[in-house]
Amino acid sequence: MKIPSEFTNHLIHCIQEEHGIQLSNKAIMDIKNTINGAYQVAVKGAIQKQKAAENRYYEQKNMYEMLIDKIGGALKH
């Protein structure tokens, strides 16, 4: 799960070239690590949110099917 390096490189280029700030190798690595870390957290959060939505869907589906079964059973009597 890595963010495309083009974004990171573009950001570093903007800082150094457009703003005239020279970054050390450590600063460049810190920027890359921060962006990659934030991206990984965002992806994990999105996956968790998707799984939670899927769980809610199946819970509702099971409740619906159980209700239909109960109504069907009540109508037979």
PDB file of N, CA and C in Angstrom:
ATOM      1  N   MET A   1       0.834  -1.179   0.000  1.00  0.00           N
ATOM      2  CA  MET A   1       0.000   0.000   0.000  1.00  0.00           C
ATOM      3  C   MET A   1       0.882   1.246   0.000  1.00  0.00           C
ATOM      4  N   LYS A   2       1.315   1.632  -1.133  1.00  0.00           N
ATOM      5  CA  LYS A   2       2.117   2.843  -1.211  1.00  0.00           C
ATOM      6  C   LYS A   2       1.445   3.843  -2.121  1.00  0.00           C
ATOM      7  N   ILE A   3       1.512   5.083  -1.697  1.00  0.00           N
ATOM      8  CA  ILE A   3       0.990   6.146  -2.545  1.00  0.00           C
ATOM      9  C   ILE A   3       1.964   6.314  -3.709  1.00  0.00           C
ATOM     10  N   PRO A   4       1.469   6.645  -4.859  1.00  0.00           N
ATOM     11  CA  PRO A   4       2.389   6.834  -5.989  1.00  0.00           C
ATOM     12  C   PRO A   4       3.480   7.848  -5.652  1.00  0.00           C
ATOM     13  N   SER A   5       4.689   7.469  -5.966  1.00  0.00           N
ATOM     14  CA  SER A   5       5.829   8.330  -5.630  1.00  0.00           C
ATOM     15  C   SER A   5       5.804   9.642  -6.409  1.00  0.00           C
ATOM     16  N   GLU A   6       5.031   9.690  -7.491  1.00  0.00           N
ATOM     17  CA  GLU A   6       4.966  10.932  -8.268  1.00  0.00           C
ATOM     18  C   GLU A   6       4.432  12.082  -7.419  1.00  0.00           C
ATOM     19  N   PHE A   7       3.437  11.800  -6.567  1.00  0.00           N
ATOM     20  CA  PHE A   7       2.885  12.852  -5.713  1.00  0.00           C
ATOM     21  C   PHE A   7       3.935  13.356  -4.731  1.00  0.00           C
ATOM     22  N   THR A   8       4.609  12.419  -4.081  1.00  0.00           N
ATOM     23  CA  THR A   8       5.639  12.789  -3.110  1.00  0.00           C
ATOM     24  C   THR A   8       6.748  13.577  -3.786  1.00  0.00           C
ATOM     25  N   ASN A   9       7.192  13.103  -4.933  1.00  0.00           N
ATOM     26  CA  ASN A   9       8.256  13.801  -5.659  1.00  0.00           C
ATOM     27  C   ASN A   9       7.800  15.195  -6.085  1.00  0.00           C
ATOM     28  N   HIS A  10       6.543  15.311  -6.502  1.00  0.00           N
ATOM     29  CA  HIS A  10       6.012  16.614  -6.904  1.00  0.00           C
ATOM     30  C   HIS A  10       5.996  17.580  -5.719  1.00  0.00           C
ATOM     31  N   LEU A  11       5.555  17.079  -4.570  1.00  0.00           N
ATOM     32  CA  LEU A  11       5.519  17.907  -3.364  1.00  0.00           C
ATOM     33  C   LEU A  11       6.926  18.390  -2.995  1.00  0.00           C
ATOM     34  N   ILE A  12       7.881  17.491  -3.005  1.00  0.00           N
ATOM     35  CA  ILE A  12       9.263  17.859  -2.671  1.00  0.00           C
ATOM     36  C   ILE A  12       9.798  18.868  -3.685  1.00  0.00           C
ATOM     37  N   HIS A  13       9.492  18.651  -4.956  1.00  0.00           N
ATOM     38  CA  HIS A  13       9.918  19.578  -6.007  1.00  0.00           C
ATOM     39  C   HIS A  13       9.336  20.977  -5.760  1.00  0.00           C
ATOM     40  N   CYS A  14       8.043  21.030  -5.415  1.00  0.00           N
ATOM     41  CA  CYS A  14       7.403  22.326  -5.159  1.00  0.00           C
ATOM     42  C   CYS A  14       8.066  23.044  -3.992  1.00  0.00           C
ATOM     43  N   ILE A  15       8.346  22.314  -2.941  1.00  0.00           N
ATOM     44  CA  ILE A  15       8.976  22.927  -1.765  1.00  0.00           C
ATOM     45  C   ILE A  15      10.349  23.470  -2.124  1.00  0.00           C
ATOM     46  N   GLN A  16      11.132  22.673  -2.844  1.00  0.00           N
ATOM     47  CA  GLN A  16      12.514  23.074  -3.131  1.00  0.00           C
ATOM     48  C   GLN A  16      12.613  24.103  -4.255  1.00  0.00           C
ATOM     49  N   GLU A  17      11.916  23.868  -5.333  1.00  0.00           N
ATOM     50  CA  GLU A  17      12.065  24.730  -6.503  1.00  0.00           C
ATOM     51  C   GLU A  17      11.198  25.987  -6.434  1.00  0.00           C
ATOM     52  N   GLU A  18       9.921  25.812  -6.146  1.00  0.00           N
ATOM     53  CA  GLU A  18       9.015  26.948  -6.184  1.00  0.00           C
ATOM     54  C   GLU A  18       9.128  27.842  -4.963  1.00  0.00           C
ATOM     55  N   HIS A  19       9.531  27.264  -3.832  1.00  0.00           N
ATOM     56  CA  HIS A  19       9.643  28.057  -2.611  1.00  0.00           C
ATOM     57  C   HIS A  19      11.097  28.305  -2.218  1.00  0.00           C
ATOM     58  N   GLY A  20      12.034  27.753  -2.973  1.00  0.00           N
ATOM     59  CA  GLY A  20      13.447  27.986  -2.747  1.00  0.00           C
ATOM     60  C   GLY A  20      13.969  27.437  -1.423  1.00  0.00           C
ATOM     61  N   ILE A  21      13.379  26.348  -0.958  1.00  0.00           N
ATOM     62  CA  ILE A  21      13.816  25.747   0.300  1.00  0.00           C
ATOM     63  C   ILE A  21      14.562  24.455  -0.032  1.00  0.00           C
ATOM     64  N   GLN A  22      15.802  24.361   0.426  1.00  0.00           N
ATOM     65  CA  GLN A  22      16.580  23.147   0.218  1.00  0.00           C
ATOM     66  C   GLN A  22      16.293  22.175   1.355  1.00  0.00           C
ATOM     67  N   LEU A  23      15.924  20.964   1.014  1.00  0.00           N
ATOM     68  CA  LEU A  23      15.617  19.953   2.006  1.00  0.00           C
ATOM     69  C   LEU A  23      16.764  18.962   2.131  1.00  0.00           C
ATOM     70  N   SER A  24      17.044  18.569   3.350  1.00  0.00           N
ATOM     71  CA  SER A  24      18.065  17.543   3.566  1.00  0.00           C
ATOM     72  C   SER A  24      17.481  16.184   3.198  1.00  0.00           C
ATOM     73  N   ASN A  25      18.349  15.194   3.075  1.00  0.00           N
ATOM     74  CA  ASN A  25      17.875  13.843   2.778  1.00  0.00           C
ATOM     75  C   ASN A  25      16.946  13.341   3.883  1.00  0.00           C
ATOM     76  N   LYS A  26      17.262  13.691   5.134  1.00  0.00           N
ATOM     77  CA  LYS A  26      16.416  13.279   6.254  1.00  0.00           C
ATOM     78  C   LYS A  26      15.032  13.927   6.132  1.00  0.00           C
ATOM     79  N   ALA A  27      14.992  15.200   5.783  1.00  0.00           N
ATOM     80  CA  ALA A  27      13.713  15.892   5.625  1.00  0.00           C
ATOM     81  C   ALA A  27      12.898  15.259   4.498  1.00  0.00           C
ATOM     82  N   ILE A  28      13.543  14.905   3.413  1.00  0.00           N
ATOM     83  CA  ILE A  28      12.866  14.263   2.290  1.00  0.00           C
ATOM     84  C   ILE A  28      12.298  12.914   2.719  1.00  0.00           C
ATOM     85  N   MET A  29      13.092  12.137   3.458  1.00  0.00           N
ATOM     86  CA  MET A  29      12.614  10.838   3.938  1.00  0.00           C
ATOM     87  C   MET A  29      11.466  11.012   4.930  1.00  0.00           C
ATOM     88  N   ASP A  30      11.537  12.036   5.780  1.00  0.00           N
ATOM     89  CA  ASP A  30      10.454  12.305   6.729  1.00  0.00           C
ATOM     90  C   ASP A  30       9.154  12.635   5.994  1.00  0.00           C
ATOM     91  N   ILE A  31       9.249  13.435   4.940  1.00  0.00           N
ATOM     92  CA  ILE A  31       8.072  13.783   4.139  1.00  0.00           C
ATOM     93  C   ILE A  31       7.488  12.523   3.505  1.00  0.00           C
ATOM     94  N   LYS A  32       8.353  11.710   2.899  1.00  0.00           N
ATOM     95  CA  LYS A  32       7.884  10.477   2.262  1.00  0.00           C
ATOM     96  C   LYS A  32       7.235   9.548   3.282  1.00  0.00           C
ATOM     97  N   ASN A  33       7.869   9.379   4.432  1.00  0.00           N
ATOM     98  CA  ASN A  33       7.325   8.483   5.462  1.00  0.00           C
ATOM     99  C   ASN A  33       5.995   8.998   6.005  1.00  0.00           C
ATOM    100  N   THR A  34       5.890  10.308   6.186  1.00  0.00           N
ATOM    101  CA  THR A  34       4.645  10.899   6.689  1.00  0.00           C
ATOM    102  C   THR A  34       3.510  10.693   5.704  1.00  0.00           C
ATOM    103  N   ILE A  35       3.761  10.955   4.432  1.00  0.00           N
ATOM    104  CA  ILE A  35       2.723  10.794   3.412  1.00  0.00           C
ATOM    105  C   ILE A  35       2.330   9.329   3.269  1.00  0.00           C
ATOM    106  N   ASN A  36       3.313   8.439   3.234  1.00  0.00           N
ATOM    107  CA  ASN A  36       3.005   7.016   3.109  1.00  0.00           C
ATOM    108  C   ASN A  36       2.239   6.507   4.330  1.00  0.00           C
ATOM    109  N   GLY A  37       2.613   6.964   5.519  1.00  0.00           N
ATOM    110  CA  GLY A  37       1.915   6.563   6.733  1.00  0.00           C
ATOM    111  C   GLY A  37       0.477   7.044   6.742  1.00  0.00           C
ATOM    112  N   ALA A  38       0.267   8.286   6.360  1.00  0.00           N
ATOM    113  CA  ALA A  38      -1.086   8.847   6.312  1.00  0.00           C
ATOM    114  C   ALA A  38      -1.933   8.093   5.280  1.00  0.00           C
ATOM    115  N   TYR A  39      -1.342   7.760   4.166  1.00  0.00           N
ATOM    116  CA  TYR A  39      -2.052   7.023   3.115  1.00  0.00           C
ATOM    117  C   TYR A  39      -2.464   5.636   3.618  1.00  0.00           C
ATOM    118  N   GLN A  40      -1.547   4.954   4.285  1.00  0.00           N
ATOM    119  CA  GLN A  40      -1.842   3.614   4.799  1.00  0.00           C
ATOM    120  C   GLN A  40      -2.972   3.655   5.831  1.00  0.00           C
ATOM    121  N   VAL A  41      -2.958   4.654   6.703  1.00  0.00           N
ATOM    122  CA  VAL A  41      -4.023   4.794   7.702  1.00  0.00           C
ATOM    123  C   VAL A  41      -5.357   5.055   7.008  1.00  0.00           C
ATOM    124  N   ALA A  42      -5.346   5.902   5.988  1.00  0.00           N
ATOM    125  CA  ALA A  42      -6.582   6.209   5.257  1.00  0.00           C
ATOM    126  C   ALA A  42      -7.127   4.963   4.560  1.00  0.00           C
ATOM    127  N   VAL A  43      -6.258   4.180   3.959  1.00  0.00           N
ATOM    128  CA  VAL A  43      -6.690   2.958   3.271  1.00  0.00           C
ATOM    129  C   VAL A  43      -7.267   1.969   4.280  1.00  0.00           C
ATOM    130  N   LYS A  44      -6.590   1.789   5.408  1.00  0.00           N
ATOM    131  CA  LYS A  44      -7.099   0.872   6.434  1.00  0.00           C
ATOM    132  C   LYS A  44      -8.460   1.332   6.951  1.00  0.00           C
ATOM    133  N   GLY A  45      -8.614   2.636   7.149  1.00  0.00           N
ATOM    134  CA  GLY A  45      -9.896   3.177   7.596  1.00  0.00           C
ATOM    135  C   GLY A  45     -10.995   2.936   6.581  1.00  0.00           C
ATOM    136  N   ALA A  46     -10.674   3.106   5.312  1.00  0.00           N
ATOM    137  CA  ALA A  46     -11.663   2.883   4.256  1.00  0.00           C
ATOM    138  C   ALA A  46     -12.067   1.411   4.188  1.00  0.00           C
ATOM    139  N   ILE A  47     -11.105   0.519   4.370  1.00  0.00           N
ATOM    140  CA  ILE A  47     -11.398  -0.920   4.355  1.00  0.00           C
ATOM    141  C   ILE A  47     -12.290  -1.278   5.535  1.00  0.00           C
ATOM    142  N   GLN A  48     -11.979  -0.740   6.715  1.00  0.00           N
ATOM    143  CA  GLN A  48     -12.800  -1.012   7.895  1.00  0.00           C
ATOM    144  C   GLN A  48     -14.222  -0.495   7.711  1.00  0.00           C
ATOM    145  N   LYS A  49     -14.339   0.677   7.112  1.00  0.00           N
ATOM    146  CA  LYS A  49     -15.666   1.255   6.874  1.00  0.00           C
ATOM    147  C   LYS A  49     -16.461   0.399   5.896  1.00  0.00           C
ATOM    148  N   GLN A  50     -15.805  -0.107   4.873  1.00  0.00           N
ATOM    149  CA  GLN A  50     -16.466  -0.968   3.896  1.00  0.00           C
ATOM    150  C   GLN A  50     -16.919  -2.270   4.551  1.00  0.00           C
ATOM    151  N   LYS A  51     -16.064  -2.859   5.376  1.00  0.00           N
ATOM    152  CA  LYS A  51     -16.430  -4.107   6.057  1.00  0.00           C
ATOM    153  C   LYS A  51     -17.608  -3.881   6.998  1.00  0.00           C
ATOM    154  N   ALA A  52     -17.618  -2.747   7.700  1.00  0.00           N
ATOM    155  CA  ALA A  52     -18.730  -2.435   8.601  1.00  0.00           C
ATOM    156  C   ALA A  52     -20.030  -2.290   7.813  1.00  0.00           C
ATOM    157  N   ALA A  53     -19.965  -1.664   6.658  1.00  0.00           N
ATOM    158  CA  ALA A  53     -21.160  -1.505   5.821  1.00  0.00           C
ATOM    159  C   ALA A  53     -21.654  -2.865   5.327  1.00  0.00           C
ATOM    160  N   GLU A  54     -20.722  -3.731   4.943  1.00  0.00           N
ATOM    161  CA  GLU A  54     -21.105  -5.072   4.498  1.00  0.00           C
ATOM    162  C   GLU A  54     -21.750  -5.849   5.649  1.00  0.00           C
ATOM    163  N   ASN A  55     -21.198  -5.732   6.850  1.00  0.00           N
ATOM    164  CA  ASN A  55     -21.779  -6.413   8.011  1.00  0.00           C
ATOM    165  C   ASN A  55     -23.188  -5.923   8.291  1.00  0.00           C
ATOM    166  N   ARG A  56     -23.399  -4.605   8.211  1.00  0.00           N
ATOM    167  CA  ARG A  56     -24.745  -4.055   8.423  1.00  0.00           C
ATOM    168  C   ARG A  56     -25.716  -4.584   7.378  1.00  0.00           C
ATOM    169  N   TYR A  57     -25.262  -4.681   6.135  1.00  0.00           N
ATOM    170  CA  TYR A  57     -26.108  -5.194   5.058  1.00  0.00           C
ATOM    171  C   TYR A  57     -26.557  -6.622   5.370  1.00  0.00           C
ATOM    172  N   TYR A  58     -25.609  -7.473   5.753  1.00  0.00           N
ATOM    173  CA  TYR A  58     -25.959  -8.870   6.026  1.00  0.00           C
ATOM    174  C   TYR A  58     -26.813  -9.022   7.278  1.00  0.00           C
ATOM    175  N   GLU A  59     -26.592  -8.181   8.277  1.00  0.00           N
ATOM    176  CA  GLU A  59     -27.453  -8.195   9.462  1.00  0.00           C
ATOM    177  C   GLU A  59     -28.887  -7.843   9.080  1.00  0.00           C
ATOM    178  N   GLN A  60     -29.046  -6.811   8.266  1.00  0.00           N
ATOM    179  CA  GLN A  60     -30.386  -6.402   7.837  1.00  0.00           C
ATOM    180  C   GLN A  60     -31.025  -7.462   6.951  1.00  0.00           C
ATOM    181  N   LYS A  61     -30.235  -8.068   6.085  1.00  0.00           N
ATOM    182  CA  LYS A  61     -30.749  -9.122   5.207  1.00  0.00           C
ATOM    183  C   LYS A  61     -31.231 -10.308   6.037  1.00  0.00           C
ATOM    184  N   ASN A  62     -30.438 -10.704   7.039  1.00  0.00           N
ATOM    185  CA  ASN A  62     -30.833 -11.820   7.901  1.00  0.00           C
ATOM    186  C   ASN A  62     -32.101 -11.497   8.685  1.00  0.00           C
ATOM    187  N   MET A  63     -32.197 -10.266   9.187  1.00  0.00           N
ATOM    188  CA  MET A  63     -33.405  -9.865   9.919  1.00  0.00           C
ATOM    189  C   MET A  63     -34.623  -9.900   8.999  1.00  0.00           C
ATOM    190  N   TYR A  64     -34.456  -9.415   7.779  1.00  0.00           N
ATOM    191  CA  TYR A  64     -35.542  -9.408   6.790  1.00  0.00           C
ATOM    192  C   TYR A  64     -36.001 -10.833   6.496  1.00  0.00           C
ATOM    193  N   GLU A  65     -35.046 -11.743   6.266  1.00  0.00           N
ATOM    194  CA  GLU A  65     -35.393 -13.130   5.955  1.00  0.00           C
ATOM    195  C   GLU A  65     -36.083 -13.801   7.141  1.00  0.00           C
ATOM    196  N   MET A  66     -35.616 -13.500   8.359  1.00  0.00           N
ATOM    197  CA  MET A  66     -36.231 -14.061   9.548  1.00  0.00           C
ATOM    198  C   MET A  66     -37.667 -13.557   9.693  1.00  0.00           C
ATOM    199  N   LEU A  67     -37.873 -12.277   9.418  1.00  0.00           N
ATOM    200  CA  LEU A  67     -39.210 -11.691   9.496  1.00  0.00           C
ATOM    201  C   LEU A  67     -40.137 -12.329   8.462  1.00  0.00           C
ATOM    202  N   ILE A  68     -39.647 -12.512   7.253  1.00  0.00           N
ATOM    203  CA  ILE A  68     -40.446 -13.145   6.194  1.00  0.00           C
ATOM    204  C   ILE A  68     -40.812 -14.567   6.612  1.00  0.00           C
ATOM    205  N   ASP A  69     -39.846 -15.297   7.189  1.00  0.00           N
ATOM    206  CA  ASP A  69     -40.130 -16.665   7.656  1.00  0.00           C
ATOM    207  C   ASP A  69     -41.207 -16.666   8.743  1.00  0.00           C
ATOM    208  N   LYS A  70     -41.113 -15.722   9.668  1.00  0.00           N
ATOM    209  CA  LYS A  70     -42.106 -15.641  10.754  1.00  0.00           C
ATOM    210  C   LYS A  70     -43.487 -15.295  10.207  1.00  0.00           C
ATOM    211  N   ILE A  71     -43.547 -14.366   9.277  1.00  0.00           N
ATOM    212  CA  ILE A  71     -44.835 -13.993   8.676  1.00  0.00           C
ATOM    213  C   ILE A  71     -45.398 -15.183   7.911  1.00  0.00           C
ATOM    214  N   GLY A  72     -44.531 -15.862   7.147  1.00  0.00           N
ATOM    215  CA  GLY A  72     -44.982 -17.048   6.418  1.00  0.00           C
ATOM    216  C   GLY A  72     -45.490 -18.118   7.354  1.00  0.00           C
ATOM    217  N   GLY A  73     -44.801 -18.344   8.464  1.00  0.00           N
ATOM    218  CA  GLY A  73     -45.236 -19.334   9.438  1.00  0.00           C
ATOM    219  C   GLY A  73     -46.552 -18.940  10.093  1.00  0.00           C
ATOM    220  N   ALA A  74     -46.735 -17.666  10.376  1.00  0.00           N
ATOM    221  CA  ALA A  74     -47.977 -17.196  10.997  1.00  0.00           C
ATOM    222  C   ALA A  74     -49.145 -17.325  10.043  1.00  0.00           C
ATOM    223  N   LEU A  75     -48.906 -17.131   8.755  1.00  0.00           N
ATOM    224  CA  LEU A  75     -49.997 -17.223   7.772  1.00  0.00           C
ATOM    225  C   LEU A  75     -50.427 -18.659   7.549  1.00  0.00           C
ATOM    226  N   LYS A  76     -49.551 -19.620   7.796  1.00  0.00           N
ATOM    227  CA  LYS A  76     -49.879 -21.034   7.589  1.00  0.00           C
ATOM    228  C   LYS A  76     -50.813 -21.542   8.679  1.00  0.00           C
ATOM    229  N   HIS A  77     -50.772 -20.906   9.856  1.00  0.00           N
ATOM    230  CA  HIS A  77     -51.576 -21.390  10.983  1.00  0.00           C
ATOM    231  C   HIS A  77     -52.941 -20.825  10.943  1.00  0.00           C
TER     232      HIS A  77
END
